[in-house]
Amino acid sequence: MRFLSTKIHAVIDYISALSLLALPWIAGFNDVATATWTVIAVGFMILTMSLFTNYEGGIMAAVPMRIHLVIDVVTGITVACSPWFFGFSDQVYLPFVAFGLFETVAALATSPHSKAALPENLEEQKVV
């Protein structure tokens, strides 16, 4: 069931990106380099993708909302598994699993249709 609007999803995206950038210091794993750089990279990716998504939070409509949501699901699953993929699960894993599951659920719960988004097929629309 898709009960989140794209407007709420945009807010979640920006809060998530900023939270991930600060997470190593908040959760106390900033001394684990691989874990720190993983969440920093994902935080910047989410921030960049949000800025360029065709929804209320975007500044340039380059990424269609459906693609954004697919990337969110893949990112969520990857982040949840990253402690084992990158070998730092013995030092920290819970914030990664929690965020990954949250990201995946938020993507699956968001409607792919934005009321404020620009049409994705601008070249097909002709101004008379």
N, C-alpha and C. Protein backbone atom coordinates (compact mmCIF):
# COMPACT_ATOMS: atom_id res chain seq x y z
N MET A 1 0.84 -1.18 0.00
CA MET A 1 0.00 0.00 0.00
C MET A 1 0.88 1.24 0.00
N ARG A 2 0.63 2.12 -0.91
CA ARG A 2 1.45 3.33 -1.05
C ARG A 2 0.73 4.51 -0.41
N PHE A 3 1.06 4.80 0.83
CA PHE A 3 0.37 5.82 1.58
C PHE A 3 1.18 7.09 1.79
N LEU A 4 2.45 7.09 1.41
CA LEU A 4 3.28 8.29 1.53
C LEU A 4 3.23 9.09 0.23
N SER A 5 3.08 10.40 0.36
CA SER A 5 3.11 11.26 -0.81
C SER A 5 4.56 11.54 -1.20
N THR A 6 4.75 12.00 -2.41
CA THR A 6 6.11 12.35 -2.84
C THR A 6 6.63 13.56 -2.05
N LYS A 7 5.74 14.41 -1.61
CA LYS A 7 6.14 15.57 -0.81
C LYS A 7 6.74 15.11 0.54
N ILE A 8 6.08 14.17 1.19
CA ILE A 8 6.60 13.60 2.44
C ILE A 8 7.89 12.83 2.16
N HIS A 9 7.93 12.11 1.05
CA HIS A 9 9.14 11.36 0.70
C HIS A 9 10.33 12.31 0.51
N ALA A 10 10.10 13.46 -0.08
CA ALA A 10 11.18 14.43 -0.26
C ALA A 10 11.74 14.87 1.09
N VAL A 11 10.87 15.13 2.04
CA VAL A 11 11.32 15.51 3.39
C VAL A 11 12.13 14.38 4.01
N ILE A 12 11.63 13.16 3.88
CA ILE A 12 12.35 11.99 4.40
C ILE A 12 13.72 11.88 3.74
N ASP A 13 13.80 12.11 2.43
CA ASP A 13 15.08 12.02 1.72
C ASP A 13 16.11 12.98 2.29
N TYR A 14 15.72 14.24 2.46
CA TYR A 14 16.68 15.23 2.94
C TYR A 14 17.09 14.98 4.39
N ILE A 15 16.13 14.59 5.23
CA ILE A 15 16.46 14.26 6.62
C ILE A 15 17.38 13.05 6.66
N SER A 16 17.09 12.04 5.84
CA SER A 16 17.92 10.83 5.79
C SER A 16 19.33 11.15 5.34
N ALA A 17 19.46 11.96 4.29
CA ALA A 17 20.79 12.29 3.77
C ALA A 17 21.62 13.00 4.84
N LEU A 18 21.04 14.00 5.47
CA LEU A 18 21.77 14.74 6.51
C LEU A 18 22.08 13.86 7.72
N SER A 19 21.15 12.99 8.08
CA SER A 19 21.37 12.08 9.20
C SER A 19 22.51 11.11 8.91
N LEU A 20 22.54 10.59 7.68
CA LEU A 20 23.61 9.67 7.32
C LEU A 20 24.97 10.35 7.35
N LEU A 21 25.02 11.60 6.93
CA LEU A 21 26.30 12.31 6.93
C LEU A 21 26.82 12.51 8.36
N ALA A 22 25.91 12.60 9.32
CA ALA A 22 26.32 12.80 10.71
C ALA A 22 26.38 11.51 11.51
N LEU A 23 25.83 10.43 10.98
CA LEU A 23 25.68 9.18 11.72
C LEU A 23 26.97 8.61 12.32
N PRO A 24 28.09 8.63 11.63
CA PRO A 24 29.29 8.04 12.25
C PRO A 24 29.66 8.70 13.58
N TRP A 25 29.42 9.97 13.72
CA TRP A 25 29.76 10.69 14.94
C TRP A 25 28.65 10.57 15.97
N ILE A 26 27.41 10.51 15.51
CA ILE A 26 26.27 10.35 16.43
C ILE A 26 26.27 8.95 17.03
N ALA A 27 26.48 7.94 16.21
CA ALA A 27 26.44 6.55 16.67
C ALA A 27 27.79 6.05 17.17
N GLY A 28 28.83 6.85 17.02
CA GLY A 28 30.13 6.51 17.59
C GLY A 28 30.95 5.48 16.84
N PHE A 29 30.76 5.40 15.52
CA PHE A 29 31.60 4.46 14.76
C PHE A 29 32.50 5.19 13.77
N ASN A 30 32.79 6.46 14.03
CA ASN A 30 33.64 7.24 13.13
C ASN A 30 35.08 6.73 13.06
N ASP A 31 35.45 5.84 13.97
CA ASP A 31 36.79 5.24 13.92
C ASP A 31 36.84 4.01 13.01
N VAL A 32 35.68 3.59 12.50
CA VAL A 32 35.60 2.47 11.56
C VAL A 32 35.50 3.08 10.16
N ALA A 33 36.63 3.19 9.49
CA ALA A 33 36.72 3.95 8.24
C ALA A 33 35.76 3.45 7.16
N THR A 34 35.68 2.17 6.95
CA THR A 34 34.82 1.64 5.89
C THR A 34 33.36 1.96 6.18
N ALA A 35 32.94 1.80 7.41
CA ALA A 35 31.55 2.10 7.79
C ALA A 35 31.27 3.60 7.64
N THR A 36 32.21 4.42 8.06
CA THR A 36 32.05 5.87 7.97
C THR A 36 31.92 6.31 6.52
N TRP A 37 32.81 5.84 5.67
CA TRP A 37 32.77 6.26 4.27
C TRP A 37 31.57 5.69 3.52
N THR A 38 31.09 4.54 3.97
CA THR A 38 29.89 3.97 3.35
C THR A 38 28.69 4.88 3.56
N VAL A 39 28.44 5.29 4.82
CA VAL A 39 27.27 6.14 5.07
C VAL A 39 27.45 7.55 4.51
N ILE A 40 28.67 8.04 4.48
CA ILE A 40 28.91 9.36 3.88
C ILE A 40 28.62 9.31 2.38
N ALA A 41 29.10 8.28 1.72
CA ALA A 41 28.84 8.13 0.27
C ALA A 41 27.34 8.00 0.00
N VAL A 42 26.65 7.19 0.77
CA VAL A 42 25.20 7.02 0.57
C VAL A 42 24.47 8.32 0.89
N GLY A 43 24.88 9.02 1.92
CA GLY A 43 24.26 10.30 2.27
C GLY A 43 24.38 11.31 1.14
N PHE A 44 25.56 11.43 0.55
CA PHE A 44 25.75 12.34 -0.58
C PHE A 44 24.97 11.87 -1.81
N MET A 45 24.90 10.56 -2.02
CA MET A 45 24.13 10.05 -3.16
C MET A 45 22.65 10.39 -3.01
N ILE A 46 22.10 10.18 -1.81
CA ILE A 46 20.69 10.49 -1.57
C ILE A 46 20.44 11.99 -1.73
N LEU A 47 21.34 12.80 -1.21
CA LEU A 47 21.20 14.26 -1.33
C LEU A 47 21.21 14.69 -2.80
N THR A 48 22.15 14.18 -3.56
CA THR A 48 22.27 14.53 -4.98
C THR A 48 21.05 14.04 -5.77
N MET A 49 20.66 12.80 -5.53
CA MET A 49 19.51 12.27 -6.26
C MET A 49 18.24 13.06 -5.91
N SER A 50 18.09 13.46 -4.67
CA SER A 50 16.92 14.23 -4.26
C SER A 50 16.86 15.58 -4.96
N LEU A 51 18.00 16.22 -5.09
CA LEU A 51 18.04 17.52 -5.76
C LEU A 51 17.61 17.42 -7.22
N PHE A 52 17.86 16.27 -7.84
CA PHE A 52 17.59 16.11 -9.27
C PHE A 52 16.37 15.23 -9.58
N THR A 53 15.55 14.93 -8.57
CA THR A 53 14.35 14.12 -8.79
C THR A 53 13.17 15.00 -9.15
N ASN A 54 12.33 14.48 -10.00
CA ASN A 54 11.12 15.17 -10.45
C ASN A 54 10.03 15.02 -9.39
N TYR A 55 10.19 15.75 -8.28
CA TYR A 55 9.19 15.80 -7.22
C TYR A 55 9.30 17.11 -6.49
N GLU A 56 8.49 17.29 -5.47
CA GLU A 56 8.41 18.58 -4.78
C GLU A 56 9.73 19.04 -4.18
N GLY A 57 10.61 18.14 -3.85
CA GLY A 57 11.88 18.50 -3.23
C GLY A 57 13.01 18.71 -4.21
N GLY A 58 12.79 18.45 -5.48
CA GLY A 58 13.85 18.55 -6.47
C GLY A 58 13.99 19.96 -7.01
N ILE A 59 15.21 20.28 -7.44
CA ILE A 59 15.43 21.58 -8.07
C ILE A 59 15.54 21.45 -9.59
N MET A 60 15.74 20.23 -10.06
CA MET A 60 15.82 19.96 -11.49
C MET A 60 15.22 18.58 -11.74
N ALA A 61 14.26 18.50 -12.64
CA ALA A 61 13.51 17.27 -12.87
C ALA A 61 14.23 16.33 -13.83
N ALA A 62 15.36 15.79 -13.40
CA ALA A 62 16.14 14.91 -14.27
C ALA A 62 15.88 13.43 -13.99
N VAL A 63 15.51 13.07 -12.77
CA VAL A 63 15.28 11.68 -12.39
C VAL A 63 13.78 11.47 -12.17
N PRO A 64 13.14 10.60 -12.96
CA PRO A 64 11.73 10.32 -12.74
C PRO A 64 11.50 9.68 -11.36
N MET A 65 10.36 9.95 -10.77
CA MET A 65 10.05 9.45 -9.43
C MET A 65 10.09 7.93 -9.37
N ARG A 66 9.62 7.25 -10.39
CA ARG A 66 9.65 5.78 -10.38
C ARG A 66 11.10 5.26 -10.30
N ILE A 67 12.00 5.88 -11.04
CA ILE A 67 13.42 5.49 -11.00
C ILE A 67 14.00 5.79 -9.62
N HIS A 68 13.66 6.94 -9.07
CA HIS A 68 14.12 7.32 -7.74
C HIS A 68 13.72 6.24 -6.72
N LEU A 69 12.48 5.77 -6.79
CA LEU A 69 12.01 4.78 -5.83
C LEU A 69 12.71 3.44 -6.01
N VAL A 70 12.98 3.05 -7.25
CA VAL A 70 13.72 1.81 -7.49
C VAL A 70 15.13 1.93 -6.91
N ILE A 71 15.77 3.07 -7.14
CA ILE A 71 17.12 3.28 -6.59
C ILE A 71 17.08 3.25 -5.07
N ASP A 72 16.02 3.83 -4.47
CA ASP A 72 15.89 3.80 -3.01
C ASP A 72 15.80 2.36 -2.48
N VAL A 73 15.04 1.52 -3.15
CA VAL A 73 14.92 0.12 -2.71
C VAL A 73 16.27 -0.58 -2.81
N VAL A 74 16.95 -0.40 -3.92
CA VAL A 74 18.27 -1.03 -4.10
C VAL A 74 19.26 -0.48 -3.07
N THR A 75 19.23 0.82 -2.85
CA THR A 75 20.12 1.44 -1.85
C THR A 75 19.82 0.91 -0.46
N GLY A 76 18.54 0.83 -0.11
CA GLY A 76 18.17 0.34 1.21
C GLY A 76 18.66 -1.07 1.46
N ILE A 77 18.46 -1.94 0.50
CA ILE A 77 18.92 -3.33 0.65
C ILE A 77 20.45 -3.38 0.73
N THR A 78 21.10 -2.59 -0.10
CA THR A 78 22.58 -2.56 -0.09
C THR A 78 23.12 -2.05 1.24
N VAL A 79 22.53 -0.96 1.75
CA VAL A 79 22.99 -0.42 3.04
C VAL A 79 22.75 -1.42 4.16
N ALA A 80 21.60 -2.08 4.16
CA ALA A 80 21.31 -3.06 5.21
C ALA A 80 22.32 -4.21 5.20
N CYS A 81 22.79 -4.58 4.03
CA CYS A 81 23.75 -5.68 3.90
C CYS A 81 25.21 -5.24 3.93
N SER A 82 25.46 -3.95 3.85
CA SER A 82 26.84 -3.44 3.71
C SER A 82 27.79 -3.84 4.84
N PRO A 83 27.35 -3.97 6.09
CA PRO A 83 28.33 -4.41 7.10
C PRO A 83 28.94 -5.77 6.78
N TRP A 84 28.16 -6.65 6.15
CA TRP A 84 28.67 -7.97 5.78
C TRP A 84 29.39 -7.92 4.43
N PHE A 85 28.88 -7.09 3.50
CA PHE A 85 29.55 -6.93 2.21
C PHE A 85 30.96 -6.39 2.38
N PHE A 86 31.10 -5.39 3.26
CA PHE A 86 32.37 -4.69 3.40
C PHE A 86 33.18 -5.10 4.62
N GLY A 87 32.70 -6.06 5.39
CA GLY A 87 33.49 -6.67 6.45
C GLY A 87 33.61 -5.89 7.75
N PHE A 88 32.64 -5.07 8.09
CA PHE A 88 32.72 -4.36 9.37
C PHE A 88 31.57 -4.72 10.31
N SER A 89 30.90 -5.86 10.05
CA SER A 89 29.75 -6.26 10.86
C SER A 89 30.13 -6.58 12.30
N ASP A 90 31.38 -6.95 12.55
CA ASP A 90 31.81 -7.23 13.92
C ASP A 90 32.02 -5.94 14.72
N GLN A 91 32.04 -4.79 14.04
CA GLN A 91 32.23 -3.51 14.72
C GLN A 91 30.94 -2.69 14.81
N VAL A 92 30.16 -2.69 13.74
CA VAL A 92 28.90 -1.95 13.72
C VAL A 92 28.01 -2.52 12.62
N TYR A 93 26.74 -2.72 12.94
CA TYR A 93 25.80 -3.18 11.92
C TYR A 93 24.38 -2.66 12.13
N LEU A 94 23.97 -2.45 13.38
CA LEU A 94 22.58 -2.10 13.66
C LEU A 94 22.11 -0.81 12.96
N PRO A 95 22.87 0.29 12.97
CA PRO A 95 22.39 1.49 12.26
C PRO A 95 22.23 1.25 10.76
N PHE A 96 23.05 0.41 10.19
CA PHE A 96 22.98 0.11 8.75
C PHE A 96 21.74 -0.71 8.43
N VAL A 97 21.47 -1.72 9.24
CA VAL A 97 20.28 -2.53 9.03
C VAL A 97 19.03 -1.68 9.23
N ALA A 98 19.00 -0.89 10.29
CA ALA A 98 17.83 -0.06 10.57
C ALA A 98 17.58 0.95 9.45
N PHE A 99 18.63 1.65 9.03
CA PHE A 99 18.43 2.63 7.96
C PHE A 99 18.06 1.95 6.65
N GLY A 100 18.70 0.84 6.34
CA GLY A 100 18.42 0.13 5.10
C GLY A 100 16.98 -0.33 5.02
N LEU A 101 16.48 -0.86 6.12
CA LEU A 101 15.08 -1.29 6.15
C LEU A 101 14.14 -0.09 6.06
N PHE A 102 14.47 0.97 6.76
CA PHE A 102 13.65 2.19 6.70
C PHE A 102 13.59 2.73 5.28
N GLU A 103 14.73 2.81 4.62
CA GLU A 103 14.82 3.32 3.25
C GLU A 103 13.98 2.46 2.29
N THR A 104 14.07 1.16 2.45
CA THR A 104 13.33 0.24 1.60
C THR A 104 11.82 0.38 1.82
N VAL A 105 11.39 0.39 3.07
CA VAL A 105 9.97 0.52 3.39
C VAL A 105 9.42 1.86 2.93
N ALA A 106 10.19 2.93 3.14
CA ALA A 106 9.74 4.27 2.70
C ALA A 106 9.56 4.30 1.19
N ALA A 107 10.46 3.67 0.45
CA ALA A 107 10.33 3.65 -1.01
C ALA A 107 9.12 2.85 -1.44
N LEU A 108 8.91 1.71 -0.82
CA LEU A 108 7.78 0.86 -1.19
C LEU A 108 6.44 1.47 -0.78
N ALA A 109 6.46 2.37 0.20
CA ALA A 109 5.23 2.99 0.69
C ALA A 109 4.91 4.32 0.01
N THR A 110 5.77 4.78 -0.89
CA THR A 110 5.58 6.07 -1.54
C THR A 110 4.91 5.93 -2.89
N SER A 111 3.93 6.76 -3.12
CA SER A 111 3.27 6.82 -4.42
C SER A 111 4.25 7.34 -5.46
N PRO A 112 4.31 6.75 -6.64
CA PRO A 112 5.24 7.24 -7.66
C PRO A 112 4.73 8.47 -8.40
N HIS A 113 3.57 8.96 -8.03
CA HIS A 113 2.97 10.10 -8.74
C HIS A 113 3.02 11.36 -7.88
N SER A 114 3.67 12.38 -8.40
CA SER A 114 3.77 13.65 -7.71
C SER A 114 2.80 14.65 -8.32
N LYS A 115 2.07 15.36 -7.49
CA LYS A 115 1.13 16.37 -7.99
C LYS A 115 1.87 17.60 -8.51
N ALA A 116 3.04 17.86 -7.96
CA ALA A 116 3.78 19.06 -8.34
C ALA A 116 4.87 18.79 -9.38
N ALA A 117 5.04 17.54 -9.77
CA ALA A 117 6.12 17.18 -10.68
C ALA A 117 5.85 17.67 -12.09
N LEU A 118 6.91 17.92 -12.80
CA LEU A 118 6.81 18.26 -14.21
C LEU A 118 6.51 17.01 -15.01
N PRO A 119 5.80 17.13 -16.12
CA PRO A 119 5.57 15.94 -16.95
C PRO A 119 6.91 15.36 -17.41
N GLU A 120 6.98 14.03 -17.41
CA GLU A 120 8.24 13.38 -17.77
C GLU A 120 8.47 13.33 -19.27
N ASN A 121 7.47 13.67 -20.05
CA ASN A 121 7.61 13.64 -21.51
C ASN A 121 7.36 15.03 -22.08
N LEU A 122 8.16 15.98 -21.67
CA LEU A 122 7.99 17.36 -22.10
C LEU A 122 8.08 17.52 -23.62
N GLU A 123 8.94 16.75 -24.25
CA GLU A 123 9.10 16.90 -25.71
C GLU A 123 7.86 16.47 -26.47
N GLU A 124 7.03 15.61 -25.87
CA GLU A 124 5.81 15.18 -26.53
C GLU A 124 4.69 16.19 -26.42
N GLN A 125 4.80 17.10 -25.46
CA GLN A 125 3.76 18.09 -25.26
C GLN A 125 4.08 19.32 -26.08
N LYS A 126 3.15 19.75 -26.85
CA LYS A 126 3.37 20.91 -27.73
C LYS A 126 2.54 22.08 -27.24
N VAL A 127 3.18 23.21 -27.22
CA VAL A 127 2.48 24.44 -26.85
C VAL A 127 1.84 25.01 -28.10
N VAL A 128 0.56 25.30 -28.02
CA VAL A 128 -0.16 25.80 -29.20
C VAL A 128 -0.23 27.30 -29.17
